[in-house]
PDB file of all heavy atoms in Angstrom:
ATOM      1  N   ILE A   1      10.391  40.577  51.612  1.00  0.00           N
ATOM      2  CA  ILE A   1      10.782  41.577  50.609  1.00  0.00           C
ATOM      3  C   ILE A   1      12.285  41.684  50.463  1.00  0.00           C
ATOM      4  O   ILE A   1      12.812  41.714  49.343  1.00  0.00           O
ATOM      5  CB  ILE A   1      10.155  42.957  51.043  1.00  0.00           C
ATOM      6  CG1 ILE A   1       8.660  42.897  50.948  1.00  0.00           C
ATOM      7  CG2 ILE A   1      10.732  44.052  50.139  1.00  0.00           C
ATOM      8  CD1 ILE A   1       7.960  44.058  51.544  1.00  0.00           C
ATOM      9  N   LEU A   2      13.008  41.617  51.614  1.00  0.00           N
ATOM     10  CA  LEU A   2      14.451  41.693  51.486  1.00  0.00           C
ATOM     11  C   LEU A   2      15.058  40.436  50.861  1.00  0.00           C
ATOM     12  O   LEU A   2      16.158  40.551  50.220  1.00  0.00           O
ATOM     13  CB  LEU A   2      15.061  41.941  52.899  1.00  0.00           C
ATOM     14  CG  LEU A   2      14.751  43.327  53.472  1.00  0.00           C
ATOM     15  CD1 LEU A   2      15.405  43.462  54.907  1.00  0.00           C
ATOM     16  CD2 LEU A   2      15.297  44.418  52.537  1.00  0.00           C
ATOM     17  N   GLN A   3      14.475  39.334  51.010  1.00  0.00           N
ATOM     18  CA  GLN A   3      14.863  38.102  50.330  1.00  0.00           C
ATOM     19  C   GLN A   3      14.758  38.262  48.830  1.00  0.00           C
ATOM     20  O   GLN A   3      15.670  37.936  48.038  1.00  0.00           O
ATOM     21  CB  GLN A   3      14.090  36.839  50.758  1.00  0.00           C
ATOM     22  CG  GLN A   3      14.543  36.380  52.094  1.00  0.00           C
ATOM     23  CD  GLN A   3      13.610  35.244  52.683  1.00  0.00           C
ATOM     24  OE1 GLN A   3      12.456  35.143  52.355  1.00  0.00           O
ATOM     25  NE2 GLN A   3      14.190  34.378  53.526  1.00  0.00           N
ATOM     26  N   VAL A   4      13.604  38.805  48.364  1.00  0.00           N
ATOM     27  CA  VAL A   4      13.442  39.003  46.930  1.00  0.00           C
ATOM     28  C   VAL A   4      14.527  39.971  46.479  1.00  0.00           C
ATOM     29  O   VAL A   4      15.011  39.856  45.302  1.00  0.00           O
ATOM     30  CB  VAL A   4      12.016  39.587  46.645  1.00  0.00           C
ATOM     31  CG1 VAL A   4      11.857  40.040  45.164  1.00  0.00           C
ATOM     32  CG2 VAL A   4      10.992  38.487  46.912  1.00  0.00           C
ATOM     33  N   ALA A   5      14.826  41.024  47.242  1.00  0.00           N
ATOM     34  CA  ALA A   5      15.795  42.035  46.856  1.00  0.00           C
ATOM     35  C   ALA A   5      17.246  41.563  47.089  1.00  0.00           C
ATOM     36  O   ALA A   5      18.138  42.266  46.748  1.00  0.00           O
ATOM     37  CB  ALA A   5      15.564  43.294  47.691  1.00  0.00           C
ATOM     38  N   ARG A   6      17.338  40.379  47.576  1.00  0.00           N
ATOM     39  CA  ARG A   6      18.691  39.770  47.818  1.00  0.00           C
ATOM     40  C   ARG A   6      19.567  40.675  48.764  1.00  0.00           C
ATOM     41  O   ARG A   6      20.728  40.931  48.443  1.00  0.00           O
ATOM     42  CB  ARG A   6      19.504  39.410  46.545  1.00  0.00           C
ATOM     43  CG  ARG A   6      18.743  38.448  45.640  1.00  0.00           C
ATOM     44  CD  ARG A   6      19.685  37.965  44.538  1.00  0.00           C
ATOM     45  NE  ARG A   6      18.990  37.129  43.495  1.00  0.00           N
ATOM     46  CZ  ARG A   6      18.652  35.862  43.694  1.00  0.00           C
ATOM     47  NH1 ARG A   6      18.859  35.225  44.833  1.00  0.00           N
ATOM     48  NH2 ARG A   6      18.044  35.261  42.674  1.00  0.00           N
ATOM     49  N   SER A   7      18.926  41.105  49.772  1.00  0.00           N
ATOM     50  CA  SER A   7      19.636  42.045  50.729  1.00  0.00           C
ATOM     51  C   SER A   7      20.797  41.315  51.448  1.00  0.00           C
ATOM     52  O   SER A   7      20.631  40.118  51.878  1.00  0.00           O
ATOM     53  CB  SER A   7      18.609  42.540  51.730  1.00  0.00           C
ATOM     54  OG  SER A   7      19.284  43.283  52.743  1.00  0.00           O
ATOM     55  N   LYS A   8      21.815  41.976  51.715  1.00  0.00           N
ATOM     56  CA  LYS A   8      22.972  41.511  52.447  1.00  0.00           C
ATOM     57  C   LYS A   8      22.715  41.389  53.948  1.00  0.00           C
ATOM     58  O   LYS A   8      23.477  40.798  54.717  1.00  0.00           O
ATOM     59  CB  LYS A   8      24.248  42.270  52.149  1.00  0.00           C
ATOM     60  CG  LYS A   8      24.600  42.371  50.668  1.00  0.00           C
ATOM     61  CD  LYS A   8      26.024  42.183  50.392  1.00  0.00           C
ATOM     62  CE  LYS A   8      26.460  42.265  48.976  1.00  0.00           C
ATOM     63  NZ  LYS A   8      25.813  41.376  48.065  1.00  0.00           N
ATOM     64  N   THR A   9      21.698  42.139  54.420  1.00  0.00           N
ATOM     65  CA  THR A   9      21.442  42.118  55.885  1.00  0.00           C
ATOM     66  C   THR A   9      20.768  40.841  56.321  1.00  0.00           C
ATOM     67  O   THR A   9      20.845  40.523  57.554  1.00  0.00           O
ATOM     68  CB  THR A   9      20.456  43.292  56.275  1.00  0.00           C
ATOM     69  OG1 THR A   9      19.254  43.149  55.493  1.00  0.00           O
ATOM     70  CG2 THR A   9      21.046  44.691  55.997  1.00  0.00           C
ATOM     71  N   LEU A  10      20.363  40.013  55.384  1.00  0.00           N
ATOM     72  CA  LEU A  10      19.700  38.805  55.726  1.00  0.00           C
ATOM     73  C   LEU A  10      20.572  37.770  56.460  1.00  0.00           C
ATOM     74  O   LEU A  10      20.159  36.971  57.223  1.00  0.00           O
ATOM     75  CB  LEU A  10      18.957  38.134  54.589  1.00  0.00           C
ATOM     76  CG  LEU A  10      17.721  38.963  54.030  1.00  0.00           C
ATOM     77  CD1 LEU A  10      17.169  38.219  52.897  1.00  0.00           C
ATOM     78  CD2 LEU A  10      16.753  39.080  55.159  1.00  0.00           C
ATOM     79  N   LYS A  11      21.895  37.792  56.022  1.00  0.00           N
ATOM     80  CA  LYS A  11      22.829  36.886  56.592  1.00  0.00           C
ATOM     81  C   LYS A  11      22.878  37.069  58.138  1.00  0.00           C
ATOM     82  O   LYS A  11      22.773  36.146  58.900  1.00  0.00           O
ATOM     83  CB  LYS A  11      24.219  36.985  56.028  1.00  0.00           C
ATOM     84  CG  LYS A  11      25.221  35.965  56.488  1.00  0.00           C
ATOM     85  CD  LYS A  11      26.488  36.131  55.801  1.00  0.00           C
ATOM     86  CE  LYS A  11      27.559  35.144  56.350  1.00  0.00           C
ATOM     87  NZ  LYS A  11      28.882  35.366  55.879  1.00  0.00           N
ATOM     88  N   GLN A  12      22.978  38.344  58.560  1.00  0.00           N
ATOM     89  CA  GLN A  12      22.998  38.686  59.942  1.00  0.00           C
ATOM     90  C   GLN A  12      21.712  38.339  60.664  1.00  0.00           C
ATOM     91  O   GLN A  12      21.749  37.880  61.776  1.00  0.00           O
ATOM     92  CB  GLN A  12      23.312  40.163  60.146  1.00  0.00           C
ATOM     93  CG  GLN A  12      24.769  40.672  59.731  1.00  0.00           C
ATOM     94  CD  GLN A  12      24.788  42.154  59.838  1.00  0.00           C
ATOM     95  OE1 GLN A  12      24.807  42.647  61.004  1.00  0.00           O
ATOM     96  NE2 GLN A  12      24.971  42.869  58.788  1.00  0.00           N
ATOM     97  N   TRP A  13      20.656  38.576  59.946  1.00  0.00           N
ATOM     98  CA  TRP A  13      19.323  38.378  60.532  1.00  0.00           C
ATOM     99  C   TRP A  13      19.146  36.874  60.755  1.00  0.00           C
ATOM    100  O   TRP A  13      18.641  36.549  61.891  1.00  0.00           O
ATOM    101  CB  TRP A  13      18.253  38.857  59.553  1.00  0.00           C
ATOM    102  CG  TRP A  13      16.922  38.603  60.061  1.00  0.00           C
ATOM    103  CD1 TRP A  13      16.048  37.573  59.609  1.00  0.00           C
ATOM    104  CD2 TRP A  13      16.187  39.185  61.155  1.00  0.00           C
ATOM    105  NE1 TRP A  13      14.925  37.582  60.357  1.00  0.00           N
ATOM    106  CE2 TRP A  13      14.971  38.560  61.297  1.00  0.00           C
ATOM    107  CE3 TRP A  13      16.498  40.245  61.991  1.00  0.00           C
ATOM    108  CZ2 TRP A  13      14.067  38.922  62.211  1.00  0.00           C
ATOM    109  CZ3 TRP A  13      15.533  40.648  62.940  1.00  0.00           C
ATOM    110  CH2 TRP A  13      14.357  39.972  63.015  1.00  0.00           C
ATOM    111  N   LYS A  14      19.489  36.059  59.815  1.00  0.00           N
ATOM    112  CA  LYS A  14      19.266  34.625  60.021  1.00  0.00           C
ATOM    113  C   LYS A  14      20.091  34.052  61.141  1.00  0.00           C
ATOM    114  O   LYS A  14      19.686  33.235  61.933  1.00  0.00           O
ATOM    115  CB  LYS A  14      19.638  33.905  58.741  1.00  0.00           C
ATOM    116  CG  LYS A  14      18.540  34.057  57.662  1.00  0.00           C
ATOM    117  CD  LYS A  14      18.892  33.361  56.391  1.00  0.00           C
ATOM    118  CE  LYS A  14      17.784  33.630  55.316  1.00  0.00           C
ATOM    119  NZ  LYS A  14      18.167  33.126  53.998  1.00  0.00           N
ATOM    120  N   GLU A  15      21.316  34.631  61.324  1.00  0.00           N
ATOM    121  CA  GLU A  15      22.276  34.126  62.379  1.00  0.00           C
ATOM    122  C   GLU A  15      21.622  34.552  63.708  1.00  0.00           C
ATOM    123  O   GLU A  15      21.534  33.730  64.610  1.00  0.00           O
ATOM    124  CB  GLU A  15      23.558  34.779  62.215  1.00  0.00           C
ATOM    125  CG  GLU A  15      24.662  34.387  63.265  1.00  0.00           C
ATOM    126  CD  GLU A  15      25.885  35.192  63.215  1.00  0.00           C
ATOM    127  OE1 GLU A  15      26.281  35.572  62.006  1.00  0.00           O
ATOM    128  OE2 GLU A  15      26.575  35.344  64.269  1.00  0.00           O
ATOM    129  N   LEU A  16      21.128  35.750  63.784  1.00  0.00           N
ATOM    130  CA  LEU A  16      20.581  36.219  65.074  1.00  0.00           C
ATOM    131  C   LEU A  16      19.194  35.480  65.338  1.00  0.00           C
ATOM    132  O   LEU A  16      19.004  35.141  66.520  1.00  0.00           O
ATOM    133  CB  LEU A  16      20.225  37.736  65.032  1.00  0.00           C
ATOM    134  CG  LEU A  16      21.408  38.616  65.354  1.00  0.00           C
ATOM    135  CD1 LEU A  16      21.084  40.080  65.354  1.00  0.00           C
ATOM    136  CD2 LEU A  16      22.011  38.327  66.725  1.00  0.00           C
ATOM    137  N   ASP A  17      18.431  35.242  64.387  1.00  0.00           N
ATOM    138  CA  ASP A  17      17.170  34.483  64.528  1.00  0.00           C
ATOM    139  C   ASP A  17      17.521  33.154  65.054  1.00  0.00           C
ATOM    140  O   ASP A  17      16.887  32.646  66.115  1.00  0.00           O
ATOM    141  CB  ASP A  17      16.463  34.375  63.127  1.00  0.00           C
ATOM    142  CG  ASP A  17      15.116  33.758  63.233  1.00  0.00           C
ATOM    143  OD1 ASP A  17      14.628  33.439  64.405  1.00  0.00           O
ATOM    144  OD2 ASP A  17      14.546  33.527  62.202  1.00  0.00           O
ATOM    145  N   GLY A  18      18.524  32.545  64.538  1.00  0.00           N
ATOM    146  CA  GLY A  18      18.971  31.211  65.101  1.00  0.00           C
ATOM    147  C   GLY A  18      19.454  31.270  66.529  1.00  0.00           C
ATOM    148  O   GLY A  18      19.109  30.405  67.342  1.00  0.00           O
ATOM    149  N   ASN A  19      20.184  32.323  66.887  1.00  0.00           N
ATOM    150  CA  ASN A  19      20.687  32.540  68.256  1.00  0.00           C
ATOM    151  C   ASN A  19      19.562  32.741  69.199  1.00  0.00           C
ATOM    152  O   ASN A  19      19.606  32.281  70.378  1.00  0.00           O
ATOM    153  CB  ASN A  19      21.668  33.730  68.301  1.00  0.00           C
ATOM    154  CG  ASN A  19      22.984  33.387  67.642  1.00  0.00           C
ATOM    155  OD1 ASN A  19      23.319  32.190  67.359  1.00  0.00           O
ATOM    156  ND2 ASN A  19      23.750  34.388  67.286  1.00  0.00           N
ATOM    157  N   VAL A  20      18.584  33.505  68.811  1.00  0.00           N
ATOM    158  CA  VAL A  20      17.410  33.711  69.680  1.00  0.00           C
ATOM    159  C   VAL A  20      16.632  32.368  69.885  1.00  0.00           C
ATOM    160  O   VAL A  20      16.286  32.056  71.021  1.00  0.00           O
ATOM    161  CB  VAL A  20      16.434  34.837  69.062  1.00  0.00           C
ATOM    162  CG1 VAL A  20      15.138  34.875  69.795  1.00  0.00           C
ATOM    163  CG2 VAL A  20      17.056  36.150  69.127  1.00  0.00           C
ATOM    164  N   THR A  21      16.513  31.583  68.892  1.00  0.00           N
ATOM    165  CA  THR A  21      15.834  30.293  68.959  1.00  0.00           C
ATOM    166  C   THR A  21      16.596  29.386  69.886  1.00  0.00           C
ATOM    167  O   THR A  21      16.021  28.705  70.719  1.00  0.00           O
ATOM    168  CB  THR A  21      15.745  29.699  67.607  1.00  0.00           C
ATOM    169  OG1 THR A  21      14.989  30.507  66.778  1.00  0.00           O
ATOM    170  CG2 THR A  21      15.001  28.326  67.635  1.00  0.00           C
ATOM    171  N   ILE A  22      17.923  29.385  69.807  1.00  0.00           N
ATOM    172  CA  ILE A  22      18.776  28.564  70.754  1.00  0.00           C
ATOM    173  C   ILE A  22      18.631  29.041  72.185  1.00  0.00           C
ATOM    174  O   ILE A  22      18.375  28.258  73.131  1.00  0.00           O
ATOM    175  CB  ILE A  22      20.223  28.592  70.286  1.00  0.00           C
ATOM    176  CG1 ILE A  22      20.463  27.825  69.000  1.00  0.00           C
ATOM    177  CG2 ILE A  22      21.130  28.069  71.367  1.00  0.00           C
ATOM    178  CD1 ILE A  22      21.777  28.045  68.310  1.00  0.00           C
ATOM    179  N   ALA A  23      18.651  30.349  72.364  1.00  0.00           N
ATOM    180  CA  ALA A  23      18.440  30.933  73.727  1.00  0.00           C
ATOM    181  C   ALA A  23      17.117  30.583  74.316  1.00  0.00           C
ATOM    182  O   ALA A  23      16.919  30.219  75.446  1.00  0.00           O
ATOM    183  CB  ALA A  23      18.699  32.420  73.735  1.00  0.00           C
ATOM    184  N   ALA A  24      16.078  30.682  73.482  1.00  0.00           N
ATOM    185  CA  ALA A  24      14.644  30.361  73.921  1.00  0.00           C
ATOM    186  C   ALA A  24      14.584  28.858  74.281  1.00  0.00           C
ATOM    187  O   ALA A  24      13.968  28.484  75.378  1.00  0.00           O
ATOM    188  CB  ALA A  24      13.661  30.681  72.829  1.00  0.00           C
ATOM    189  N   ASN A  25      15.138  28.033  73.416  1.00  0.00           N
ATOM    190  CA  ASN A  25      15.101  26.583  73.736  1.00  0.00           C
ATOM    191  C   ASN A  25      15.915  26.243  75.048  1.00  0.00           C
ATOM    192  O   ASN A  25      15.417  25.429  75.781  1.00  0.00           O
ATOM    193  CB  ASN A  25      15.699  25.804  72.571  1.00  0.00           C
ATOM    194  CG  ASN A  25      14.831  25.793  71.356  1.00  0.00           C
ATOM    195  OD1 ASN A  25      13.588  26.101  71.430  1.00  0.00           O
ATOM    196  ND2 ASN A  25      15.369  25.495  70.168  1.00  0.00           N
ATOM    197  N   GLU A  26      17.069  26.912  75.226  1.00  0.00           N
ATOM    198  CA  GLU A  26      17.863  26.645  76.404  1.00  0.00           C
ATOM    199  C   GLU A  26      17.023  27.035  77.594  1.00  0.00           C
ATOM    200  O   GLU A  26      16.954  26.297  78.625  1.00  0.00           O
ATOM    201  CB  GLU A  26      19.138  27.457  76.371  1.00  0.00           C
ATOM    202  CG  GLU A  26      19.908  27.396  77.613  1.00  0.00           C
ATOM    203  CD  GLU A  26      21.143  28.289  77.687  1.00  0.00           C
ATOM    204  OE1 GLU A  26      21.065  29.408  77.031  1.00  0.00           O
ATOM    205  OE2 GLU A  26      22.142  27.994  78.394  1.00  0.00           O
ATOM    206  N   ALA A  27      16.434  28.229  77.610  1.00  0.00           N
ATOM    207  CA  ALA A  27      15.653  28.670  78.756  1.00  0.00           C
ATOM    208  C   ALA A  27      14.456  27.744  79.092  1.00  0.00           C
ATOM    209  O   ALA A  27      14.248  27.410  80.228  1.00  0.00           O
ATOM    210  CB  ALA A  27      15.157  30.138  78.526  1.00  0.00           C
ATOM    211  N   LYS A  28      13.808  27.341  78.032  1.00  0.00           N
ATOM    212  CA  LYS A  28      12.684  26.474  78.136  1.00  0.00           C
ATOM    213  C   LYS A  28      13.033  25.104  78.793  1.00  0.00           C
ATOM    214  O   LYS A  28      12.498  24.599  79.660  1.00  0.00           O
ATOM    215  CB  LYS A  28      11.932  26.284  76.780  1.00  0.00           C
ATOM    216  CG  LYS A  28      10.785  25.279  76.854  1.00  0.00           C
ATOM    217  CD  LYS A  28      10.238  25.223  75.396  1.00  0.00           C
ATOM    218  CE  LYS A  28       9.151  24.069  75.338  1.00  0.00           C
ATOM    219  NZ  LYS A  28       8.749  23.850  73.956  1.00  0.00           N
ATOM    220  N   ASP A  29      14.170  24.605  78.198  1.00  0.00           N
ATOM    221  CA  ASP A  29      14.680  23.352  78.782  1.00  0.00           C
ATOM    222  C   ASP A  29      15.122  23.402  80.163  1.00  0.00           C
ATOM    223  O   ASP A  29      14.880  22.568  80.987  1.00  0.00           O
ATOM    224  CB  ASP A  29      15.849  22.884  77.858  1.00  0.00           C
ATOM    225  CG  ASP A  29      16.173  21.405  77.956  1.00  0.00           C
ATOM    226  OD1 ASP A  29      15.294  20.632  77.514  1.00  0.00           O
ATOM    227  OD2 ASP A  29      17.250  21.101  78.352  1.00  0.00           O
ATOM    228  N   ASN A  30      15.862  24.508  80.496  1.00  0.00           N
ATOM    229  CA  ASN A  30      16.332  24.637  81.878  1.00  0.00           C
ATOM    230  C   ASN A  30      15.180  24.777  82.870  1.00  0.00           C
ATOM    231  O   ASN A  30      15.282  24.239  83.937  1.00  0.00           O
ATOM    232  CB  ASN A  30      17.264  25.823  81.938  1.00  0.00           C
ATOM    233  CG  ASN A  30      18.603  25.514  81.331  1.00  0.00           C
ATOM    234  OD1 ASN A  30      18.894  24.403  80.976  1.00  0.00           O
ATOM    235  ND2 ASN A  30      19.439  26.593  81.080  1.00  0.00           N
ATOM    236  N   VAL A  31      14.158  25.501  82.435  1.00  0.00           N
ATOM    237  CA  VAL A  31      12.975  25.662  83.301  1.00  0.00           C
ATOM    238  C   VAL A  31      12.327  24.264  83.553  1.00  0.00           C
ATOM    239  O   VAL A  31      12.042  23.875  84.698  1.00  0.00           O
ATOM    240  CB  VAL A  31      11.904  26.602  82.687  1.00  0.00           C
ATOM    241  CG1 VAL A  31      10.528  26.492  83.385  1.00  0.00           C
ATOM    242  CG2 VAL A  31      12.429  28.078  82.821  1.00  0.00           C
ATOM    243  N   ARG A  32      12.260  23.476  82.493  1.00  0.00           N
ATOM    244  CA  ARG A  32      11.617  22.157  82.625  1.00  0.00           C
ATOM    245  C   ARG A  32      12.515  21.325  83.609  1.00  0.00           C
ATOM    246  O   ARG A  32      11.881  20.661  84.501  1.00  0.00           O
ATOM    247  CB  ARG A  32      11.615  21.535  81.215  1.00  0.00           C
ATOM    248  CG  ARG A  32      10.875  20.202  81.243  1.00  0.00           C
ATOM    249  CD  ARG A  32      10.668  19.723  79.691  1.00  0.00           C
ATOM    250  NE  ARG A  32      11.845  19.703  78.942  1.00  0.00           N
ATOM    251  CZ  ARG A  32      12.551  18.596  78.677  1.00  0.00           C
ATOM    252  NH1 ARG A  32      12.133  17.464  79.177  1.00  0.00           N
ATOM    253  NH2 ARG A  32      13.601  18.680  77.921  1.00  0.00           N
TER     254      ARG A  32
END
């Protein structure tokens, strides 16, 4: 919905989403 509305909060959201993915991948890799 916010994408359709062209919300400015999405830039921050996408950056954090990427950071969470990186942190999850790091933890998974380190456990392995």
